[in-house]
Amino acid sequence: KESPITIEELYLLIYNFPVEKLSNEAIIELHISQSFSEVFTITKENNNLQIRGGASNDEDIELWITRGAFKELQSSSDFKSTVNRLVKENKIASKEKVSRWTLLMRGYQDFF
């Protein structure tokens, strides 16, 4: 039987995304769909990523990913190509919650 995605699993996966350039003000809200309705908030504080369960009230961007896509990324040997394919298949989506300028100033340029 499947269990909810854990914060530990998310830490193992998140460093495959271009997070090193994010500024200390960056806030991402991540939703796992087709699962247990997990929601996580990813922030960068003191140059370290912090992940906690639950939603944010002031996120820069919302990321939506299906449970199947999350699991596929965990085992992918070509992360970037897999992400690009999953985006095209609508299994990963994003919604900007602040201006594009703010996103660029907070280091999200490699997310697009």
Protein backbone atom coordinates (compact mmCIF):
# COMPACT_ATOMS: atom_id res chain seq x y z
CA LYS A 1 0.00 0.00 0.00
CA GLU A 2 1.26 3.47 -0.88
CA SER A 3 1.92 6.01 1.81
CA PRO A 4 2.02 9.82 1.65
CA ILE A 5 5.09 11.57 0.25
CA THR A 6 7.37 12.52 3.14
CA ILE A 7 9.49 15.59 3.76
CA GLU A 8 12.55 13.33 3.65
CA GLU A 9 11.62 12.10 0.14
CA LEU A 10 11.13 15.70 -0.95
CA TYR A 11 14.57 16.75 0.38
CA LEU A 12 16.16 13.95 -1.66
CA LEU A 13 14.40 15.16 -4.82
CA ILE A 14 14.42 18.96 -4.48
CA TYR A 15 18.16 19.38 -4.93
CA ASN A 16 17.78 18.12 -8.51
CA PHE A 17 15.89 21.34 -9.27
CA PRO A 18 17.90 24.56 -9.87
CA VAL A 19 17.48 25.72 -6.26
CA GLU A 20 21.04 26.86 -5.56
CA LYS A 21 20.40 30.24 -7.24
CA LEU A 22 17.26 30.99 -5.24
CA SER A 23 17.50 33.96 -2.91
CA ASN A 24 16.75 33.77 0.79
CA GLU A 25 13.29 35.25 0.16
CA ALA A 26 12.17 32.42 -2.15
CA ILE A 27 9.01 30.52 -1.19
CA ILE A 28 7.60 27.60 -3.19
CA GLU A 29 4.35 25.84 -2.42
CA LEU A 30 4.37 22.26 -3.72
CA HIS A 31 1.19 20.25 -4.22
CA ILE A 32 1.26 16.49 -4.83
CA SER A 33 -1.90 15.48 -6.69
CA GLN A 34 -3.48 12.07 -7.30
CA SER A 35 -2.21 11.12 -3.88
CA PHE A 36 -2.99 12.05 -0.28
CA SER A 37 -3.33 15.78 -1.12
CA GLU A 38 0.08 16.56 0.31
CA VAL A 39 1.08 20.22 0.38
CA PHE A 40 4.56 21.41 1.31
CA THR A 41 6.19 24.81 1.66
CA ILE A 42 9.80 25.09 0.54
CA THR A 43 11.70 28.18 1.67
CA LYS A 44 15.29 29.28 1.48
CA GLU A 45 16.59 30.66 4.78
CA ASN A 46 20.23 31.44 5.57
CA ASN A 47 21.17 29.82 2.23
CA ASN A 48 19.57 26.50 3.26
CA LEU A 49 16.38 24.97 1.95
CA GLN A 50 13.71 24.34 4.55
CA ILE A 51 10.69 22.14 3.87
CA ARG A 52 7.63 21.93 6.06
CA GLY A 53 4.24 20.37 5.64
CA GLY A 54 1.34 22.67 4.89
CA ALA A 55 0.52 25.60 2.65
CA SER A 56 2.05 29.07 2.55
CA ASN A 57 0.16 32.34 2.49
CA ASP A 58 2.83 34.22 0.56
CA GLU A 59 4.42 31.84 -1.94
CA ASP A 60 6.19 33.08 -5.06
CA ILE A 61 5.17 30.09 -7.12
CA GLU A 62 2.94 27.06 -6.80
CA LEU A 63 4.19 23.77 -8.25
CA TRP A 64 1.76 20.94 -8.93
CA ILE A 65 3.04 17.44 -9.58
CA THR A 66 1.23 14.14 -9.79
CA ARG A 67 2.26 11.37 -7.44
CA GLY A 68 3.29 9.23 -10.43
CA ALA A 69 5.50 12.03 -11.78
CA PHE A 70 7.10 12.50 -8.35
CA LYS A 71 7.89 8.79 -8.16
CA GLU A 72 9.22 8.81 -11.72
CA LEU A 73 11.55 11.71 -10.92
CA GLN A 74 12.88 9.84 -7.90
CA SER A 75 14.23 7.11 -10.15
CA SER A 76 15.19 9.23 -13.17
CA SER A 77 18.78 9.18 -14.40
CA ASP A 78 18.13 12.21 -16.67
CA PHE A 79 16.25 14.58 -14.37
CA LYS A 80 16.04 17.61 -16.67
CA SER A 81 14.72 15.64 -19.67
CA THR A 82 12.23 13.84 -17.45
CA VAL A 83 10.95 17.14 -16.02
CA ASN A 84 10.59 18.61 -19.52
CA ARG A 85 8.60 15.57 -20.69
CA LEU A 86 6.38 15.56 -17.59
CA VAL A 87 5.63 19.28 -18.07
CA LYS A 88 4.60 18.60 -21.68
CA GLU A 89 2.39 15.74 -20.43
CA ASN A 90 0.76 18.14 -17.91
CA LYS A 91 1.99 16.04 -14.98
CA ILE A 92 3.96 19.02 -13.63
CA ALA A 93 2.52 22.52 -13.68
CA SER A 94 3.29 25.85 -12.08
CA LYS A 95 1.44 29.04 -11.25
CA GLU A 96 3.28 32.30 -10.68
CA LYS A 97 1.93 34.17 -7.66
CA VAL A 98 4.22 37.22 -7.94
CA SER A 99 5.45 39.24 -10.91
CA ARG A 100 7.96 37.77 -13.35
CA TRP A 101 10.40 40.52 -12.27
CA THR A 102 10.12 39.40 -8.62
CA LEU A 103 10.69 35.79 -9.67
CA LEU A 104 13.83 36.76 -11.56
CA MET A 105 15.10 38.84 -8.65
CA ARG A 106 14.57 35.86 -6.32
CA GLY A 107 16.57 33.53 -8.56
CA TYR A 108 13.91 31.52 -10.37
CA GLN A 109 15.32 32.16 -13.89
CA ASP A 110 16.41 28.55 -14.33
CA PHE A 111 12.91 27.29 -13.48
CA PHE A 112 11.56 28.52 -16.82
